[in-house]
Amino acid sequence: MARGDGSFWRSFGPGLLWAGASIGISHLVQSTRAGADAGFGLAGVILLALVLKYPFFEFGPRYAAATGNSLVEGYQRIGRWAIWLYLILTVATALIVQVAVVLFTAFVLTHAFGLDWPLALVGGLICLLSAILLWVGRFKLLDASIKLVLVLLAISTLIAASVALPVADFSSVKLLPLESGSMIVSLAFVLALVGWMPTAIDLAVWSSLWTLAKDESEGSRSSVANARLDFNIGYVGTGILAFAFVTLGATVMYGSGENFSPQGTLFSAQLVELYVQMLGDWTRPVVLVAVITTMLSTSLTVIDGFPRALDRTIRVLRNIDPGESIKPSRSPYWLSLVTLAVLTIVVLSFFLTNLTAMIDFATIVSFLTAPVLGYLNLKAVTSADVPAEHRPGRTMLALSYVGLILLGGIAVIYLVTRFG
């Protein structure tokens, strides 16, 4: 049985880290594009994604608090095939996701500061700054910085959305993105939206690792109830902000004849203008700070998350104690971090300026892997390793199976129509 001191505030933080990693491209880019292109026509899709994917994310902190291990150990106990499958999927998607996040962050910075620097240089500085912060501050600095950033973004976004609501036209609201029997947007964009709404299923592993890191930093074990509450606060917050960004896009751009540019710098400028139109020109500096810090925090959590997951996976596969200290030059964490950073810079050196194409590609890949990772999470949390009282109940299990069927079915349909 999981032990804890009963103090929620000692456990508070991993859920916000998860939210910090989630509220980035999926919200600033995809949710805003959804509102601009379809009004509130994709609101039902966003709500359905938030509901169907919820169990697979919640299983991360639940498993960690109940067992004292991460989902990586849970995969190992399913079978060696499961942890190898997770490793393969992580290696296959890590660079794609990190490039997309760092690319948009670089565009935001070049727009905000009027820089005419190569994207590879800006991306390299982002990776270097993140590595230094993680080296110096480790988990505690990561935990503290995300809380500050999320408060700043949440306040500015909710104020902007509340100003937009009175003039919003809700006639475009739909449960399904259909109009006269046809899709109001392409199936590819719907899948791209769902793929990172609220984020990729991969982050369930990160969430379990952040839960354990929080326990280590506080010197006490989180109870399952506290870990779940911490996660739920972050999850509900990401959902509310997703609809806030949809509202901004729908109110300012939908039906205006104006569309978001696929060029990253122009997209960043248009995004800032959405806020300014709602709140007034005087808010431009505040909005820029909110957007910049949000993307920097997302980059920081992604640059930490993949190496943290790879480190744990490699240690488990090699039967190394996850808590054992290893020299940085031989640590899977730092080796993964440096390797991904170098590859990110290389890709940015040859990448063109089509931001939305890169993001759609990354998010569709995440959608296609979601059913596989969701299944692994479900198998882990219903295993004998989890005490019976901490396993998901009938409602959560039913929702999990519905989610697997729908996500898997739609993935198959997309692959058949795309390559059939």
Protein backbone atom coordinates (compact mmCIF):
# COMPACT_ATOMS: atom_id res chain seq x y z
CA MET A 1 0.00 0.00 0.00
CA ALA A 2 1.21 3.50 -0.83
CA ARG A 3 2.33 5.55 2.11
CA GLY A 4 2.25 9.28 2.53
CA ASP A 5 2.20 11.99 5.14
CA GLY A 6 -1.25 13.15 4.04
CA SER A 7 -0.04 16.62 3.04
CA PHE A 8 -1.32 17.55 -0.41
CA TRP A 9 1.07 20.48 -0.74
CA ARG A 10 4.07 18.16 -0.43
CA SER A 11 2.73 16.28 -3.45
CA PHE A 12 1.70 19.37 -5.42
CA GLY A 13 3.73 20.01 -8.57
CA PRO A 14 4.01 17.02 -10.95
CA GLY A 15 0.52 17.73 -12.27
CA LEU A 16 1.56 21.27 -13.14
CA LEU A 17 4.73 19.98 -14.78
CA TRP A 18 2.52 17.74 -16.90
CA ALA A 19 0.30 20.75 -17.68
CA GLY A 20 3.38 22.84 -18.51
CA ALA A 21 4.49 20.26 -21.05
CA SER A 22 0.95 20.03 -22.45
CA ILE A 23 0.07 23.72 -22.72
CA GLY A 24 2.31 24.64 -25.59
CA ILE A 25 1.83 23.72 -29.22
CA SER A 26 -1.43 21.83 -28.58
CA HIS A 27 -2.97 25.02 -27.15
CA LEU A 28 -1.13 28.01 -28.61
CA VAL A 29 -1.05 26.52 -32.11
CA GLN A 30 -3.52 23.68 -32.63
CA SER A 31 -6.43 24.90 -30.47
CA THR A 32 -6.15 28.43 -31.83
CA ARG A 33 -6.03 27.11 -35.41
CA ALA A 34 -9.09 24.98 -34.68
CA GLY A 35 -11.04 28.07 -33.64
CA ALA A 36 -9.78 30.13 -36.57
CA ASP A 37 -10.55 27.45 -39.19
CA ALA A 38 -13.80 25.99 -37.83
CA GLY A 39 -15.14 28.36 -35.19
CA PHE A 40 -16.51 26.17 -32.44
CA GLY A 41 -17.04 23.31 -34.88
CA LEU A 42 -14.22 21.27 -33.33
CA ALA A 43 -15.28 21.88 -29.72
CA GLY A 44 -16.87 18.43 -29.57
CA VAL A 45 -13.69 16.80 -30.88
CA ILE A 46 -11.59 18.56 -28.25
CA LEU A 47 -13.98 17.57 -25.46
CA LEU A 48 -14.06 13.97 -26.68
CA ALA A 49 -10.24 13.84 -26.80
CA LEU A 50 -9.98 15.21 -23.27
CA VAL A 51 -12.43 12.60 -21.96
CA LEU A 52 -11.18 9.56 -23.90
CA LYS A 53 -7.49 10.13 -23.22
CA TYR A 54 -7.91 11.05 -19.55
CA PRO A 55 -7.55 7.53 -18.08
CA PHE A 56 -4.29 6.83 -19.92
CA PHE A 57 -2.71 9.99 -18.50
CA GLU A 58 -4.10 9.51 -15.00
CA PHE A 59 -2.64 6.01 -14.82
CA GLY A 60 0.87 7.54 -14.70
CA PRO A 61 0.73 9.27 -11.29
CA ARG A 62 -1.68 6.59 -10.00
CA TYR A 63 0.81 3.82 -10.74
CA ALA A 64 3.78 5.75 -9.34
CA ALA A 65 2.03 6.62 -6.07
CA ALA A 66 0.59 3.12 -5.64
CA THR A 67 3.79 1.18 -6.36
CA GLY A 68 6.70 3.57 -5.84
CA ASN A 69 7.83 2.79 -9.40
CA SER A 70 7.37 4.45 -12.76
CA LEU A 71 5.31 3.17 -15.67
CA VAL A 72 8.58 2.00 -17.22
CA GLU A 73 8.84 -0.67 -14.51
CA GLY A 74 5.17 -1.37 -15.13
CA TYR A 75 5.91 -2.07 -18.79
CA GLN A 76 8.76 -4.39 -17.83
CA ARG A 77 6.45 -6.43 -15.63
CA ILE A 78 4.02 -6.83 -18.54
CA GLY A 79 6.88 -8.45 -20.45
CA ARG A 80 10.21 -7.59 -22.04
CA TRP A 81 8.38 -7.05 -25.31
CA ALA A 82 6.40 -4.20 -23.74
CA ILE A 83 9.38 -2.21 -22.52
CA TRP A 84 11.22 -2.76 -25.80
CA LEU A 85 8.14 -1.59 -27.69
CA TYR A 86 7.99 1.53 -25.51
CA LEU A 87 11.69 2.19 -26.10
CA ILE A 88 11.31 1.84 -29.86
CA LEU A 89 8.31 4.20 -29.95
CA THR A 90 10.09 6.72 -27.74
CA VAL A 91 13.25 6.71 -29.84
CA ALA A 92 11.16 6.98 -33.02
CA THR A 93 9.13 9.97 -31.83
CA ALA A 94 11.46 11.86 -29.47
CA LEU A 95 13.29 13.83 -32.14
CA ILE A 96 10.10 14.61 -34.08
CA VAL A 97 8.36 16.01 -31.01
CA GLN A 98 11.38 17.92 -29.70
CA VAL A 99 12.05 19.52 -33.08
CA ALA A 100 8.43 20.69 -33.36
CA VAL A 101 8.48 22.24 -29.88
CA VAL A 102 11.89 23.89 -30.20
CA LEU A 103 11.04 25.11 -33.72
CA PHE A 104 7.94 26.99 -32.56
CA THR A 105 9.78 28.34 -29.53
CA ALA A 106 12.51 29.63 -31.84
CA PHE A 107 9.93 31.33 -34.04
CA VAL A 108 8.32 32.97 -30.99
CA LEU A 109 11.68 34.28 -29.79
CA THR A 110 12.75 35.61 -33.21
CA HIS A 111 9.42 37.47 -33.54
CA ALA A 112 9.43 38.84 -30.00
CA PHE A 113 12.98 40.18 -30.12
CA GLY A 114 13.13 41.00 -33.83
CA LEU A 115 16.02 38.60 -34.35
CA ASP A 116 17.35 37.71 -37.77
CA TRP A 117 19.30 34.71 -36.54
CA PRO A 118 19.28 31.22 -38.09
CA LEU A 119 16.69 28.89 -36.53
CA ALA A 120 19.44 26.39 -35.74
CA LEU A 121 21.26 28.99 -33.64
CA VAL A 122 18.16 30.00 -31.70
CA GLY A 123 17.17 26.35 -31.22
CA GLY A 124 20.67 25.54 -30.03
CA LEU A 125 20.53 28.35 -27.46
CA ILE A 126 17.16 27.04 -26.22
CA CYS A 127 18.62 23.55 -25.77
CA LEU A 128 21.75 24.92 -24.10
CA LEU A 129 19.80 27.14 -21.69
CA SER A 130 17.51 24.25 -20.77
CA ALA A 131 20.46 21.92 -20.19
CA ILE A 132 22.14 24.47 -17.91
CA LEU A 133 18.96 25.01 -15.89
CA LEU A 134 18.47 21.25 -15.50
CA TRP A 135 22.13 20.76 -14.54
CA VAL A 136 22.09 23.54 -11.93
CA GLY A 137 18.58 23.31 -10.52
CA ARG A 138 17.58 19.73 -11.27
CA PHE A 139 13.97 18.86 -10.45
CA LYS A 140 13.33 21.61 -7.87
CA LEU A 141 14.06 24.46 -10.29
CA LEU A 142 11.98 22.76 -12.99
CA ASP A 143 9.09 22.36 -10.53
CA ALA A 144 9.20 25.97 -9.30
CA SER A 145 9.60 27.62 -12.73
CA ILE A 146 6.62 25.83 -14.26
CA LYS A 147 4.27 27.01 -11.50
CA LEU A 148 5.16 30.66 -12.13
CA VAL A 149 4.82 30.35 -15.92
CA LEU A 150 1.45 28.63 -15.82
CA VAL A 151 -0.03 31.26 -13.53
CA LEU A 152 1.10 34.03 -15.91
CA LEU A 153 -0.26 32.31 -19.02
CA ALA A 154 -3.53 31.25 -17.36
CA ILE A 155 -4.33 34.76 -16.15
CA SER A 156 -3.63 36.45 -19.49
CA THR A 157 -5.45 33.79 -21.54
CA LEU A 158 -8.53 33.59 -19.35
CA ILE A 159 -8.86 37.38 -19.29
CA ALA A 160 -8.58 37.50 -23.10
CA ALA A 161 -11.11 34.70 -23.51
CA SER A 162 -13.56 36.31 -21.07
CA VAL A 163 -13.40 39.53 -23.12
CA ALA A 164 -14.02 37.52 -26.30
CA LEU A 165 -16.95 35.47 -24.97
CA PRO A 166 -19.62 38.24 -25.09
CA VAL A 167 -19.02 38.74 -28.82
CA ALA A 168 -18.45 35.08 -29.71
CA ASP A 169 -20.80 33.44 -32.20
CA PHE A 170 -21.64 29.96 -30.90
CA SER A 171 -23.76 29.01 -33.92
CA SER A 172 -20.81 27.00 -35.24
CA VAL A 173 -20.75 24.65 -32.22
CA LYS A 174 -20.90 21.00 -33.30
CA LEU A 175 -20.54 17.67 -31.56
CA LEU A 176 -18.92 16.20 -34.68
CA PRO A 177 -16.95 18.19 -37.28
CA LEU A 178 -19.50 17.56 -40.03
CA GLU A 179 -21.42 19.93 -42.27
CA SER A 180 -23.84 18.69 -44.93
CA GLY A 181 -22.39 15.20 -44.50
CA SER A 182 -18.77 16.22 -45.10
CA MET A 183 -15.87 17.21 -42.84
CA ILE A 184 -15.57 20.92 -42.09
CA VAL A 185 -11.80 20.44 -41.89
CA SER A 186 -9.52 17.67 -43.15
CA LEU A 187 -9.32 14.37 -41.29
CA ALA A 188 -5.57 14.90 -41.05
CA PHE A 189 -6.06 18.11 -39.06
CA VAL A 190 -8.62 16.45 -36.77
CA LEU A 191 -6.10 13.70 -35.99
CA ALA A 192 -3.34 16.27 -35.53
CA LEU A 193 -5.55 18.16 -33.09
CA VAL A 194 -6.44 15.03 -31.11
CA GLY A 195 -2.85 13.73 -31.22
CA TRP A 196 -1.69 16.45 -28.82
CA MET A 197 -4.99 17.25 -27.13
CA PRO A 198 -4.18 17.82 -24.39
CA THR A 199 -0.82 16.20 -25.22
CA ALA A 200 0.80 12.95 -26.38
CA ILE A 201 0.17 9.78 -24.34
CA ASP A 202 3.96 9.51 -23.89
CA LEU A 203 3.68 12.08 -21.12
CA ALA A 204 1.99 9.56 -18.81
CA VAL A 205 5.45 8.02 -18.30
CA TRP A 206 6.94 11.46 -17.68
CA SER A 207 4.18 12.15 -15.16
CA SER A 208 4.99 8.97 -13.25
CA LEU A 209 8.69 9.91 -13.23
CA TRP A 210 7.96 13.47 -12.08
CA THR A 211 5.79 12.06 -9.28
CA LEU A 212 8.73 9.95 -8.08
CA ALA A 213 11.13 12.89 -8.45
CA LYS A 214 8.81 15.04 -6.34
CA ASP A 215 8.72 12.33 -3.66
CA GLU A 216 12.52 12.18 -3.68
CA SER A 217 12.89 15.96 -3.42
CA GLU A 218 10.40 16.13 -0.52
CA GLY A 219 11.69 13.03 1.23
CA SER A 220 8.24 11.47 1.52
CA ARG A 221 5.93 9.27 -0.52
CA SER A 222 2.79 10.76 -2.08
CA SER A 223 -0.50 9.07 -1.34
CA VAL A 224 -2.49 7.87 -4.34
CA ALA A 225 -5.31 10.30 -3.51
CA ASN A 226 -2.92 13.28 -3.39
CA ALA A 227 -1.11 12.26 -6.58
CA ARG A 228 -4.41 11.91 -8.45
CA LEU A 229 -5.71 15.24 -7.12
CA ASP A 230 -2.49 16.97 -8.16
CA PHE A 231 -2.82 15.51 -11.65
CA ASN A 232 -6.53 16.33 -11.94
CA ILE A 233 -5.88 19.99 -11.16
CA GLY A 234 -3.38 20.15 -14.01
CA TYR A 235 -5.67 18.20 -16.35
CA VAL A 236 -8.74 20.35 -15.77
CA GLY A 237 -6.60 23.44 -16.21
CA THR A 238 -5.31 22.26 -19.59
CA GLY A 239 -8.87 21.56 -20.72
CA ILE A 240 -10.13 25.00 -19.72
CA LEU A 241 -7.23 26.73 -21.46
CA ALA A 242 -7.77 24.64 -24.62
CA PHE A 243 -11.29 26.03 -24.95
CA ALA A 244 -10.00 29.51 -24.12
CA PHE A 245 -7.64 29.36 -27.11
CA VAL A 246 -10.42 28.00 -29.33
CA THR A 247 -12.54 30.97 -28.27
CA LEU A 248 -9.80 33.43 -29.20
CA GLY A 249 -9.32 31.88 -32.63
CA ALA A 250 -13.05 31.58 -33.29
CA THR A 251 -13.89 35.12 -32.20
CA VAL A 252 -11.11 37.02 -33.91
CA MET A 253 -10.35 35.02 -37.06
CA TYR A 254 -13.20 32.63 -37.94
CA GLY A 255 -15.22 33.94 -40.86
CA SER A 256 -12.95 36.98 -41.26
CA GLY A 257 -11.25 35.64 -44.37
CA GLU A 258 -7.93 35.68 -42.55
CA ASN A 259 -6.03 32.45 -41.92
CA PHE A 260 -2.97 31.57 -39.89
CA SER A 261 0.22 31.60 -41.91
CA PRO A 262 2.20 28.34 -42.11
CA GLN A 263 5.34 30.48 -41.77
CA GLY A 264 6.50 30.37 -38.17
CA THR A 265 7.40 34.02 -37.63
CA LEU A 266 4.15 35.27 -39.15
CA PHE A 267 2.16 32.71 -37.15
CA SER A 268 3.76 33.97 -33.94
CA ALA A 269 2.86 37.57 -34.82
CA GLN A 270 -0.75 36.60 -35.58
CA LEU A 271 -1.01 34.73 -32.29
CA VAL A 272 0.09 37.76 -30.29
CA GLU A 273 -2.34 39.96 -32.23
CA LEU A 274 -5.25 37.76 -31.12
CA TYR A 275 -4.57 38.78 -27.53
CA VAL A 276 -3.93 42.40 -28.39
CA GLN A 277 -7.22 42.71 -30.29
CA MET A 278 -9.08 41.42 -27.25
CA LEU A 279 -7.19 43.21 -24.48
CA GLY A 280 -5.77 46.32 -26.11
CA ASP A 281 -2.38 47.34 -27.44
CA TRP A 282 -1.07 48.11 -23.96
CA THR A 283 -1.08 44.38 -23.17
CA ARG A 284 1.39 43.49 -25.94
CA PRO A 285 4.43 43.25 -23.61
CA VAL A 286 2.48 41.14 -21.10
CA VAL A 287 1.25 38.83 -23.85
CA LEU A 288 4.73 38.44 -25.31
CA VAL A 289 6.12 37.52 -21.90
CA ALA A 290 3.32 34.97 -21.39
CA VAL A 291 3.80 33.33 -24.80
CA ILE A 292 7.60 33.33 -24.56
CA THR A 293 7.69 31.85 -21.06
CA THR A 294 5.06 29.26 -21.99
CA MET A 295 7.03 27.95 -24.94
CA LEU A 296 10.31 28.09 -23.03
CA SER A 297 8.73 26.06 -20.22
CA THR A 298 7.32 23.58 -22.73
CA SER A 299 10.75 23.25 -24.32
CA LEU A 300 12.30 22.78 -20.88
CA THR A 301 9.88 20.00 -19.90
CA VAL A 302 10.26 18.23 -23.26
CA ILE A 303 14.07 18.51 -23.17
CA ASP A 304 13.91 16.99 -19.67
CA GLY A 305 11.10 14.50 -20.28
CA PHE A 306 12.45 12.36 -23.11
CA PRO A 307 15.94 11.90 -21.57
CA ARG A 308 14.34 11.15 -18.18
CA ALA A 309 12.16 8.45 -19.78
CA LEU A 310 15.03 7.02 -21.83
CA ASP A 311 17.31 7.01 -18.78
CA ARG A 312 14.79 5.01 -16.76
CA THR A 313 14.11 2.60 -19.62
CA ILE A 314 17.79 1.88 -20.27
CA ARG A 315 18.49 1.40 -16.55
CA VAL A 316 15.57 -1.01 -16.20
CA LEU A 317 16.65 -2.99 -19.27
CA ARG A 318 20.22 -3.20 -17.91
CA ASN A 319 19.02 -4.03 -14.37
CA ILE A 320 20.62 -0.87 -12.93
CA ASP A 321 19.09 0.67 -9.83
CA PRO A 322 17.25 3.83 -11.06
CA GLY A 323 18.49 5.67 -7.98
CA GLU A 324 22.12 4.74 -8.51
CA SER A 325 24.40 7.70 -9.20
CA ILE A 326 26.23 7.57 -12.54
CA LYS A 327 28.86 9.97 -13.86
CA PRO A 328 27.31 12.52 -16.26
CA SER A 329 29.55 11.27 -19.08
CA ARG A 330 28.01 7.80 -18.73
CA SER A 331 24.51 8.75 -17.61
CA PRO A 332 21.76 7.71 -20.07
CA TYR A 333 19.92 10.93 -19.10
CA TRP A 334 22.70 13.33 -20.10
CA LEU A 335 23.77 11.27 -23.10
CA SER A 336 20.16 11.28 -24.37
CA LEU A 337 19.75 14.99 -23.66
CA VAL A 338 22.92 15.95 -25.54
CA THR A 339 22.18 13.59 -28.45
CA LEU A 340 18.63 14.92 -28.91
CA ALA A 341 19.87 18.51 -28.66
CA VAL A 342 22.51 17.98 -31.34
CA LEU A 343 20.06 16.20 -33.65
CA THR A 344 17.49 18.97 -33.10
CA ILE A 345 20.04 21.58 -34.19
CA VAL A 346 20.94 19.51 -37.25
CA VAL A 347 17.29 19.18 -38.31
CA LEU A 348 16.65 22.90 -37.77
CA SER A 349 19.67 23.68 -39.94
CA PHE A 350 17.93 22.10 -42.94
CA PHE A 351 14.29 22.72 -42.04
CA LEU A 352 12.27 25.21 -44.03
CA THR A 353 9.82 27.69 -42.48
CA ASN A 354 6.60 25.68 -42.77
CA LEU A 355 5.72 25.50 -39.08
CA THR A 356 2.21 24.04 -39.32
CA ALA A 357 3.29 21.17 -41.59
CA MET A 358 5.97 20.10 -39.10
CA ILE A 359 3.56 20.35 -36.17
CA ASP A 360 0.80 18.42 -37.96
CA PHE A 361 3.27 15.65 -38.81
CA ALA A 362 4.45 15.38 -35.20
CA THR A 363 0.93 15.38 -33.77
CA ILE A 364 -0.39 12.79 -36.25
CA VAL A 365 2.49 10.48 -35.30
CA SER A 366 1.50 10.92 -31.65
CA PHE A 367 -2.11 10.09 -32.51
CA LEU A 368 -1.10 6.85 -34.25
CA THR A 369 0.97 5.69 -31.27
CA ALA A 370 -1.67 6.66 -28.68
CA PRO A 371 -3.65 3.37 -28.74
CA VAL A 372 -0.48 1.31 -28.24
CA LEU A 373 0.80 3.37 -25.31
CA GLY A 374 -2.71 3.62 -23.84
CA TYR A 375 -2.98 -0.17 -23.86
CA LEU A 376 0.37 -0.54 -22.10
CA ASN A 377 -0.70 1.97 -19.42
CA LEU A 378 -3.96 0.09 -18.87
CA LYS A 379 -2.16 -3.27 -18.57
CA ALA A 380 0.32 -1.81 -16.07
CA VAL A 381 -2.24 -0.19 -13.78
CA THR A 382 -4.48 -3.26 -13.67
CA SER A 383 -1.62 -5.65 -12.91
CA ALA A 384 -1.02 -7.44 -9.62
CA ASP A 385 1.72 -4.90 -8.80
CA VAL A 386 -0.96 -2.31 -8.03
CA PRO A 387 -2.89 -2.93 -4.79
CA ALA A 388 -6.51 -3.76 -5.54
CA GLU A 389 -7.81 -0.64 -3.79
CA HIS A 390 -5.74 1.58 -6.09
CA ARG A 391 -6.66 -0.01 -9.39
CA PRO A 392 -9.13 1.84 -11.64
CA GLY A 393 -12.82 1.21 -11.03
CA ARG A 394 -15.43 -0.01 -13.49
CA THR A 395 -16.20 3.44 -14.91
CA MET A 396 -12.54 4.21 -15.56
CA LEU A 397 -12.01 0.78 -17.11
CA ALA A 398 -15.05 1.17 -19.37
CA LEU A 399 -13.82 4.60 -20.48
CA SER A 400 -10.38 3.12 -21.16
CA TYR A 401 -11.76 0.39 -23.41
CA VAL A 402 -13.99 2.85 -25.29
CA GLY A 403 -10.97 5.11 -25.76
CA LEU A 404 -8.79 2.28 -27.07
CA ILE A 405 -11.48 1.16 -29.52
CA LEU A 406 -12.17 4.65 -30.88
CA LEU A 407 -8.56 5.82 -31.02
CA GLY A 408 -7.40 2.54 -32.54
CA GLY A 409 -10.28 2.39 -35.01
CA ILE A 410 -9.75 5.94 -36.26
CA ALA A 411 -6.01 5.32 -36.57
CA VAL A 412 -6.67 2.26 -38.75
CA ILE A 413 -9.15 4.21 -40.92
CA TYR A 414 -6.61 7.00 -41.42
CA LEU A 415 -3.83 4.59 -42.38
CA VAL A 416 -6.11 2.74 -44.81
CA THR A 417 -7.31 5.95 -46.48
CA ARG A 418 -3.81 7.41 -46.52
CA PHE A 419 -1.87 4.41 -47.80
CA GLY A 420 -4.56 2.02 -49.00
